[in-house]
Amino acid sequence: MTVGYYTILPAEVRLDKRLLPFERILFSDILILANKNGYCFASNAYFAKTYGVSTVSVSTWISNLVKYGYLSRTYDYKDNTKKIERRRLYVKADFKENNINMNNIKNNIDHTTKVSMENSSRPPKKYDYLQAMLDRI
């Protein structure tokens, strides 16, 4: 599987002793997937296949993330039925802004690296990244 994104794990989630390791990883993936629409609609089956675990495990992990206040969920039902058409997972507002800003920082660093490499005969150093970012402000 080719993956074209990276995830961010906020310290509050990473250090929460109530969460299992996979719950933390799942949260970081949900955080990324919620970036585009403001919510994540990936199914338990999708996450189960991704992590090589059962859908029951994924369901339990999501329930714990909801229980501890990191996520909220809503359901869209098929017309005039009680059958769930789609679940929406919403990330706690504090983490949405952090994630978007971190993605922008990575994009700036990637751009800076490319510019530094084009304009120099030596490999870029951390100073080059930071200086280029400051110059763009």
N, C-alpha and C. Protein backbone atom coordinates (compact mmCIF):
# COMPACT_ATOMS: atom_id res chain seq x y z
N MET A 1 0.85 -1.17 0.00
CA MET A 1 0.00 0.00 0.00
C MET A 1 0.89 1.24 0.00
N THR A 2 0.64 2.16 -0.90
CA THR A 2 1.37 3.41 -0.96
C THR A 2 0.62 4.45 -0.16
N VAL A 3 1.31 5.07 0.76
CA VAL A 3 0.68 6.08 1.61
C VAL A 3 1.32 7.42 1.30
N GLY A 4 0.48 8.42 1.03
CA GLY A 4 0.99 9.74 0.67
C GLY A 4 0.77 10.77 1.75
N TYR A 5 0.68 10.35 2.99
CA TYR A 5 0.48 11.31 4.07
C TYR A 5 1.22 10.84 5.31
N TYR A 6 1.32 11.71 6.26
CA TYR A 6 1.90 11.38 7.55
C TYR A 6 0.88 11.77 8.61
N THR A 7 1.05 11.25 9.82
CA THR A 7 0.11 11.58 10.88
C THR A 7 0.81 12.34 11.99
N ILE A 8 0.00 12.99 12.78
CA ILE A 8 0.48 13.74 13.93
C ILE A 8 -0.22 13.18 15.15
N LEU A 9 0.51 12.99 16.21
CA LEU A 9 -0.07 12.51 17.46
C LEU A 9 0.15 13.56 18.54
N PRO A 10 -0.90 14.31 18.87
CA PRO A 10 -0.77 15.35 19.89
C PRO A 10 -0.31 14.76 21.22
N ALA A 11 0.47 15.53 21.95
CA ALA A 11 1.01 15.05 23.23
C ALA A 11 -0.09 14.63 24.20
N GLU A 12 -1.19 15.35 24.22
CA GLU A 12 -2.29 15.01 25.13
C GLU A 12 -2.78 13.58 24.90
N VAL A 13 -2.86 13.17 23.66
CA VAL A 13 -3.30 11.81 23.31
C VAL A 13 -2.16 10.83 23.57
N ARG A 14 -0.97 11.19 23.13
CA ARG A 14 0.19 10.30 23.27
C ARG A 14 0.46 9.94 24.73
N LEU A 15 0.24 10.88 25.63
CA LEU A 15 0.57 10.67 27.04
C LEU A 15 -0.60 10.19 27.89
N ASP A 16 -1.77 10.02 27.28
CA ASP A 16 -2.95 9.58 28.02
C ASP A 16 -2.82 8.09 28.33
N LYS A 17 -2.58 7.75 29.58
CA LYS A 17 -2.35 6.37 30.01
C LYS A 17 -3.59 5.50 29.89
N ARG A 18 -4.76 6.10 29.74
CA ARG A 18 -5.99 5.33 29.59
C ARG A 18 -6.09 4.69 28.21
N LEU A 19 -5.36 5.22 27.24
CA LEU A 19 -5.46 4.76 25.86
C LEU A 19 -4.46 3.65 25.56
N LEU A 20 -4.91 2.69 24.77
CA LEU A 20 -4.02 1.64 24.28
C LEU A 20 -3.18 2.20 23.12
N PRO A 21 -2.03 1.61 22.84
CA PRO A 21 -1.20 2.10 21.74
C PRO A 21 -1.94 2.22 20.40
N PHE A 22 -2.72 1.20 20.04
CA PHE A 22 -3.44 1.27 18.77
C PHE A 22 -4.52 2.35 18.78
N GLU A 23 -5.09 2.66 19.94
CA GLU A 23 -6.07 3.73 20.02
C GLU A 23 -5.41 5.07 19.70
N ARG A 24 -4.19 5.23 20.13
CA ARG A 24 -3.44 6.46 19.84
C ARG A 24 -3.15 6.58 18.34
N ILE A 25 -2.73 5.47 17.75
CA ILE A 25 -2.43 5.47 16.31
C ILE A 25 -3.71 5.72 15.52
N LEU A 26 -4.78 5.07 15.92
CA LEU A 26 -6.07 5.26 15.25
C LEU A 26 -6.49 6.72 15.32
N PHE A 27 -6.32 7.34 16.48
CA PHE A 27 -6.68 8.74 16.62
C PHE A 27 -5.90 9.60 15.62
N SER A 28 -4.61 9.34 15.47
CA SER A 28 -3.81 10.15 14.55
C SER A 28 -4.27 9.97 13.10
N ASP A 29 -4.69 8.77 12.74
CA ASP A 29 -5.22 8.55 11.39
C ASP A 29 -6.56 9.25 11.20
N ILE A 30 -7.42 9.17 12.20
CA ILE A 30 -8.72 9.85 12.12
C ILE A 30 -8.51 11.35 12.01
N LEU A 31 -7.55 11.87 12.74
CA LEU A 31 -7.23 13.30 12.69
C LEU A 31 -6.87 13.73 11.28
N ILE A 32 -6.06 12.96 10.60
CA ILE A 32 -5.67 13.28 9.23
C ILE A 32 -6.86 13.14 8.28
N LEU A 33 -7.61 12.06 8.41
CA LEU A 33 -8.74 11.82 7.51
C LEU A 33 -9.86 12.84 7.70
N ALA A 34 -9.92 13.46 8.88
CA ALA A 34 -10.96 14.47 9.16
C ALA A 34 -10.57 15.85 8.63
N ASN A 35 -9.35 16.00 8.17
CA ASN A 35 -8.88 17.31 7.69
C ASN A 35 -9.73 17.87 6.55
N LYS A 36 -10.04 17.04 5.58
CA LYS A 36 -10.69 17.52 4.37
C LYS A 36 -12.11 18.02 4.59
N ASN A 37 -12.95 17.20 5.24
CA ASN A 37 -14.36 17.54 5.39
C ASN A 37 -14.75 17.99 6.80
N GLY A 38 -13.81 17.93 7.72
CA GLY A 38 -14.13 18.26 9.10
C GLY A 38 -14.56 17.05 9.90
N TYR A 39 -14.67 15.91 9.24
CA TYR A 39 -15.02 14.67 9.92
C TYR A 39 -14.41 13.51 9.12
N CYS A 40 -14.31 12.37 9.78
CA CYS A 40 -13.79 11.16 9.15
C CYS A 40 -14.96 10.20 8.96
N PHE A 41 -15.11 9.65 7.76
CA PHE A 41 -16.19 8.71 7.52
C PHE A 41 -15.67 7.30 7.22
N ALA A 42 -14.39 7.05 7.44
CA ALA A 42 -13.84 5.72 7.20
C ALA A 42 -14.53 4.70 8.12
N SER A 43 -14.78 3.53 7.59
CA SER A 43 -15.49 2.49 8.34
C SER A 43 -14.55 1.70 9.25
N ASN A 44 -15.16 0.96 10.16
CA ASN A 44 -14.37 0.06 11.01
C ASN A 44 -13.66 -0.98 10.16
N ALA A 45 -14.32 -1.43 9.09
CA ALA A 45 -13.71 -2.42 8.20
C ALA A 45 -12.44 -1.86 7.54
N TYR A 46 -12.48 -0.59 7.15
CA TYR A 46 -11.31 0.05 6.55
C TYR A 46 -10.14 0.04 7.54
N PHE A 47 -10.39 0.49 8.77
CA PHE A 47 -9.32 0.52 9.77
C PHE A 47 -8.86 -0.89 10.13
N ALA A 48 -9.79 -1.82 10.22
CA ALA A 48 -9.43 -3.20 10.55
C ALA A 48 -8.47 -3.77 9.50
N LYS A 49 -8.78 -3.53 8.25
CA LYS A 49 -7.92 -4.00 7.16
C LYS A 49 -6.56 -3.30 7.21
N THR A 50 -6.58 -2.00 7.45
CA THR A 50 -5.33 -1.22 7.52
C THR A 50 -4.40 -1.73 8.61
N TYR A 51 -4.96 -2.02 9.79
CA TYR A 51 -4.14 -2.43 10.94
C TYR A 51 -4.02 -3.94 11.10
N GLY A 52 -4.78 -4.70 10.31
CA GLY A 52 -4.72 -6.15 10.44
C GLY A 52 -5.34 -6.66 11.73
N VAL A 53 -6.45 -6.06 12.12
CA VAL A 53 -7.15 -6.46 13.34
C VAL A 53 -8.64 -6.66 13.01
N SER A 54 -9.42 -7.02 14.02
CA SER A 54 -10.85 -7.23 13.80
C SER A 54 -11.62 -5.91 13.86
N THR A 55 -12.79 -5.90 13.25
CA THR A 55 -13.66 -4.72 13.32
C THR A 55 -14.14 -4.48 14.75
N VAL A 56 -14.24 -5.54 15.53
CA VAL A 56 -14.64 -5.40 16.94
C VAL A 56 -13.57 -4.60 17.70
N SER A 57 -12.31 -4.88 17.43
CA SER A 57 -11.23 -4.12 18.07
C SER A 57 -11.32 -2.64 17.71
N VAL A 58 -11.50 -2.36 16.43
CA VAL A 58 -11.60 -0.97 15.98
C VAL A 58 -12.79 -0.29 16.64
N SER A 59 -13.92 -0.97 16.71
CA SER A 59 -15.11 -0.42 17.35
C SER A 59 -14.84 -0.07 18.81
N THR A 60 -14.15 -0.96 19.51
CA THR A 60 -13.80 -0.72 20.92
C THR A 60 -12.88 0.49 21.04
N TRP A 61 -11.88 0.59 20.16
CA TRP A 61 -10.94 1.71 20.22
C TRP A 61 -11.66 3.03 19.98
N ILE A 62 -12.53 3.06 19.00
CA ILE A 62 -13.27 4.30 18.71
C ILE A 62 -14.16 4.66 19.90
N SER A 63 -14.81 3.67 20.48
CA SER A 63 -15.66 3.92 21.65
C SER A 63 -14.85 4.52 22.79
N ASN A 64 -13.64 4.03 22.99
CA ASN A 64 -12.78 4.60 24.04
C ASN A 64 -12.37 6.03 23.72
N LEU A 65 -12.06 6.31 22.48
CA LEU A 65 -11.70 7.68 22.09
C LEU A 65 -12.88 8.62 22.27
N VAL A 66 -14.09 8.13 22.04
CA VAL A 66 -15.30 8.93 22.30
C VAL A 66 -15.48 9.10 23.80
N LYS A 67 -15.35 8.01 24.54
CA LYS A 67 -15.52 8.01 26.00
C LYS A 67 -14.60 9.03 26.67
N TYR A 68 -13.36 9.12 26.22
CA TYR A 68 -12.39 10.03 26.83
C TYR A 68 -12.41 11.43 26.22
N GLY A 69 -13.33 11.70 25.31
CA GLY A 69 -13.55 13.05 24.81
C GLY A 69 -12.68 13.48 23.64
N TYR A 70 -11.95 12.56 23.03
CA TYR A 70 -11.11 12.93 21.90
C TYR A 70 -11.88 12.97 20.58
N LEU A 71 -12.94 12.19 20.51
CA LEU A 71 -13.79 12.14 19.31
C LEU A 71 -15.25 12.26 19.72
N SER A 72 -16.06 12.68 18.76
CA SER A 72 -17.51 12.53 18.88
C SER A 72 -17.97 11.88 17.59
N ARG A 73 -19.14 11.25 17.62
CA ARG A 73 -19.62 10.57 16.41
C ARG A 73 -21.10 10.83 16.22
N THR A 74 -21.47 10.86 14.96
CA THR A 74 -22.88 10.97 14.57
C THR A 74 -23.12 9.94 13.48
N TYR A 75 -24.39 9.70 13.22
CA TYR A 75 -24.74 8.72 12.21
C TYR A 75 -25.71 9.34 11.22
N ASP A 76 -25.54 9.00 9.95
CA ASP A 76 -26.50 9.33 8.90
C ASP A 76 -27.26 8.04 8.62
N TYR A 77 -28.60 8.13 8.65
CA TYR A 77 -29.43 6.94 8.44
C TYR A 77 -30.03 6.96 7.05
N LYS A 78 -30.28 5.77 6.52
CA LYS A 78 -30.99 5.66 5.25
C LYS A 78 -32.40 6.19 5.46
N ASP A 79 -32.96 6.80 4.42
CA ASP A 79 -34.29 7.42 4.51
C ASP A 79 -35.32 6.48 5.13
N ASN A 80 -36.00 7.02 6.13
CA ASN A 80 -37.12 6.33 6.79
C ASN A 80 -36.75 4.96 7.37
N THR A 81 -35.48 4.78 7.75
CA THR A 81 -35.07 3.52 8.37
C THR A 81 -34.17 3.82 9.56
N LYS A 82 -33.85 2.78 10.27
CA LYS A 82 -32.88 2.90 11.36
C LYS A 82 -31.53 2.31 10.96
N LYS A 83 -31.38 2.04 9.66
CA LYS A 83 -30.13 1.47 9.16
C LYS A 83 -29.12 2.59 8.94
N ILE A 84 -27.93 2.41 9.50
CA ILE A 84 -26.88 3.42 9.39
C ILE A 84 -26.30 3.40 7.99
N GLU A 85 -26.28 4.58 7.37
CA GLU A 85 -25.69 4.72 6.04
C GLU A 85 -24.23 5.13 6.15
N ARG A 86 -23.95 6.03 7.08
CA ARG A 86 -22.58 6.52 7.25
C ARG A 86 -22.40 7.03 8.68
N ARG A 87 -21.21 6.76 9.21
CA ARG A 87 -20.83 7.29 10.52
C ARG A 87 -19.87 8.44 10.29
N ARG A 88 -20.00 9.47 11.09
CA ARG A 88 -19.05 10.58 11.03
C ARG A 88 -18.33 10.70 12.36
N LEU A 89 -17.00 10.74 12.29
CA LEU A 89 -16.18 10.91 13.48
C LEU A 89 -15.60 12.32 13.46
N TYR A 90 -15.88 13.07 14.51
CA TYR A 90 -15.39 14.44 14.63
C TYR A 90 -14.29 14.48 15.68
N VAL A 91 -13.23 15.20 15.36
CA VAL A 91 -12.09 15.33 16.26
C VAL A 91 -12.30 16.55 17.16
N LYS A 92 -11.87 16.42 18.40
CA LYS A 92 -11.91 17.54 19.35
C LYS A 92 -11.29 18.77 18.70
N ALA A 93 -11.95 19.90 18.82
CA ALA A 93 -11.56 21.12 18.10
C ALA A 93 -10.09 21.51 18.32
N ASP A 94 -9.56 21.30 19.51
CA ASP A 94 -8.17 21.69 19.81
C ASP A 94 -7.18 21.04 18.86
N PHE A 95 -7.46 19.83 18.44
CA PHE A 95 -6.52 19.08 17.62
C PHE A 95 -6.63 19.41 16.15
N LYS A 96 -7.79 19.86 15.69
CA LYS A 96 -7.96 20.16 14.27
C LYS A 96 -7.01 21.26 13.83
N GLU A 97 -6.96 22.34 14.58
CA GLU A 97 -6.09 23.47 14.23
C GLU A 97 -4.63 23.07 14.27
N ASN A 98 -4.24 22.32 15.28
CA ASN A 98 -2.86 21.88 15.41
C ASN A 98 -2.45 21.04 14.21
N ASN A 99 -3.31 20.16 13.77
CA ASN A 99 -3.01 19.28 12.65
C ASN A 99 -2.85 20.06 11.36
N ILE A 100 -3.76 20.98 11.10
CA ILE A 100 -3.69 21.77 9.88
C ILE A 100 -2.42 22.60 9.86
N ASN A 101 -2.09 23.21 10.99
CA ASN A 101 -0.86 24.01 11.06
C ASN A 101 0.38 23.16 10.86
N MET A 102 0.40 21.95 11.43
CA MET A 102 1.55 21.08 11.27
C MET A 102 1.70 20.63 9.81
N ASN A 103 0.60 20.37 9.13
CA ASN A 103 0.69 20.00 7.72
C ASN A 103 1.25 21.16 6.91
N ASN A 104 0.86 22.38 7.24
CA ASN A 104 1.39 23.55 6.54
C ASN A 104 2.88 23.72 6.81
N ILE A 105 3.31 23.45 8.03
CA ILE A 105 4.73 23.55 8.35
C ILE A 105 5.51 22.53 7.52
N LYS A 106 5.02 21.29 7.44
CA LYS A 106 5.71 20.27 6.65
C LYS A 106 5.79 20.69 5.19
N ASN A 107 4.70 21.22 4.65
CA ASN A 107 4.71 21.66 3.26
C ASN A 107 5.73 22.77 3.06
N ASN A 108 5.84 23.70 4.01
CA ASN A 108 6.83 24.77 3.92
C ASN A 108 8.25 24.21 3.98
N ILE A 109 8.48 23.25 4.86
CA ILE A 109 9.81 22.66 4.98
C ILE A 109 10.16 21.91 3.70
N ASP A 110 9.20 21.15 3.14
CA ASP A 110 9.47 20.44 1.88
C ASP A 110 9.82 21.43 0.78
N HIS A 111 9.09 22.54 0.69
CA HIS A 111 9.36 23.56 -0.32
C HIS A 111 10.74 24.17 -0.07
N THR A 112 11.03 24.45 1.20
CA THR A 112 12.32 25.05 1.56
C THR A 112 13.47 24.12 1.19
N THR A 113 13.30 22.84 1.44
CA THR A 113 14.34 21.86 1.11
C THR A 113 14.60 21.88 -0.39
N LYS A 114 13.56 21.90 -1.19
CA LYS A 114 13.70 21.90 -2.64
C LYS A 114 14.44 23.16 -3.10
N VAL A 115 14.04 24.32 -2.56
CA VAL A 115 14.69 25.58 -2.94
C VAL A 115 16.15 25.56 -2.51
N SER A 116 16.41 25.10 -1.29
CA SER A 116 17.78 25.07 -0.79
C SER A 116 18.66 24.15 -1.64
N MET A 117 18.11 23.02 -2.04
CA MET A 117 18.88 22.08 -2.85
C MET A 117 19.17 22.66 -4.24
N GLU A 118 18.22 23.41 -4.79
CA GLU A 118 18.41 23.99 -6.12
C GLU A 118 19.45 25.11 -6.10
N ASN A 119 19.54 25.82 -4.99
CA ASN A 119 20.39 27.01 -4.93
C ASN A 119 21.71 26.79 -4.19
N SER A 120 22.07 25.57 -3.93
CA SER A 120 23.27 25.33 -3.15
C SER A 120 23.98 24.08 -3.63
N SER A 121 25.29 24.08 -3.43
CA SER A 121 26.05 22.89 -3.79
C SER A 121 26.22 21.97 -2.58
N ARG A 122 25.77 22.41 -1.42
CA ARG A 122 25.86 21.58 -0.22
C ARG A 122 24.46 21.15 0.22
N PRO A 123 24.36 20.06 0.96
CA PRO A 123 23.04 19.63 1.45
C PRO A 123 22.47 20.67 2.43
N PRO A 124 21.16 20.83 2.44
CA PRO A 124 20.56 21.81 3.35
C PRO A 124 20.73 21.37 4.81
N LYS A 125 20.83 22.36 5.67
CA LYS A 125 20.92 22.11 7.10
C LYS A 125 19.68 22.67 7.77
N LYS A 126 19.48 22.32 9.05
CA LYS A 126 18.31 22.80 9.78
C LYS A 126 18.21 24.32 9.72
N TYR A 127 19.34 24.98 9.81
CA TYR A 127 19.36 26.43 9.75
C TYR A 127 18.73 26.92 8.46
N ASP A 128 19.03 26.25 7.34
CA ASP A 128 18.48 26.65 6.04
C ASP A 128 16.96 26.59 6.04
N TYR A 129 16.41 25.52 6.64
CA TYR A 129 14.95 25.38 6.69
C TYR A 129 14.35 26.54 7.48
N LEU A 130 14.91 26.76 8.65
CA LEU A 130 14.35 27.80 9.52
C LEU A 130 14.52 29.19 8.92
N GLN A 131 15.67 29.44 8.34
CA GLN A 131 15.90 30.76 7.76
C GLN A 131 14.97 31.01 6.58
N ALA A 132 14.80 30.03 5.73
CA ALA A 132 13.90 30.19 4.60
C ALA A 132 12.46 30.42 5.04
N MET A 133 12.06 29.72 6.10
CA MET A 133 10.70 29.93 6.63
C MET A 133 10.55 31.35 7.19
N LEU A 134 11.56 31.81 7.90
CA LEU A 134 11.50 33.17 8.45
C LEU A 134 11.50 34.21 7.32
N ASP A 135 12.26 33.95 6.28
CA ASP A 135 12.31 34.90 5.15
C ASP A 135 10.96 35.02 4.46
N ARG A 136 10.19 33.93 4.50
CA ARG A 136 8.88 33.95 3.83
C ARG A 136 7.80 34.65 4.65
N ILE A 137 8.08 34.91 5.93
CA ILE A 137 7.07 35.56 6.81
C ILE A 137 7.03 37.05 6.54
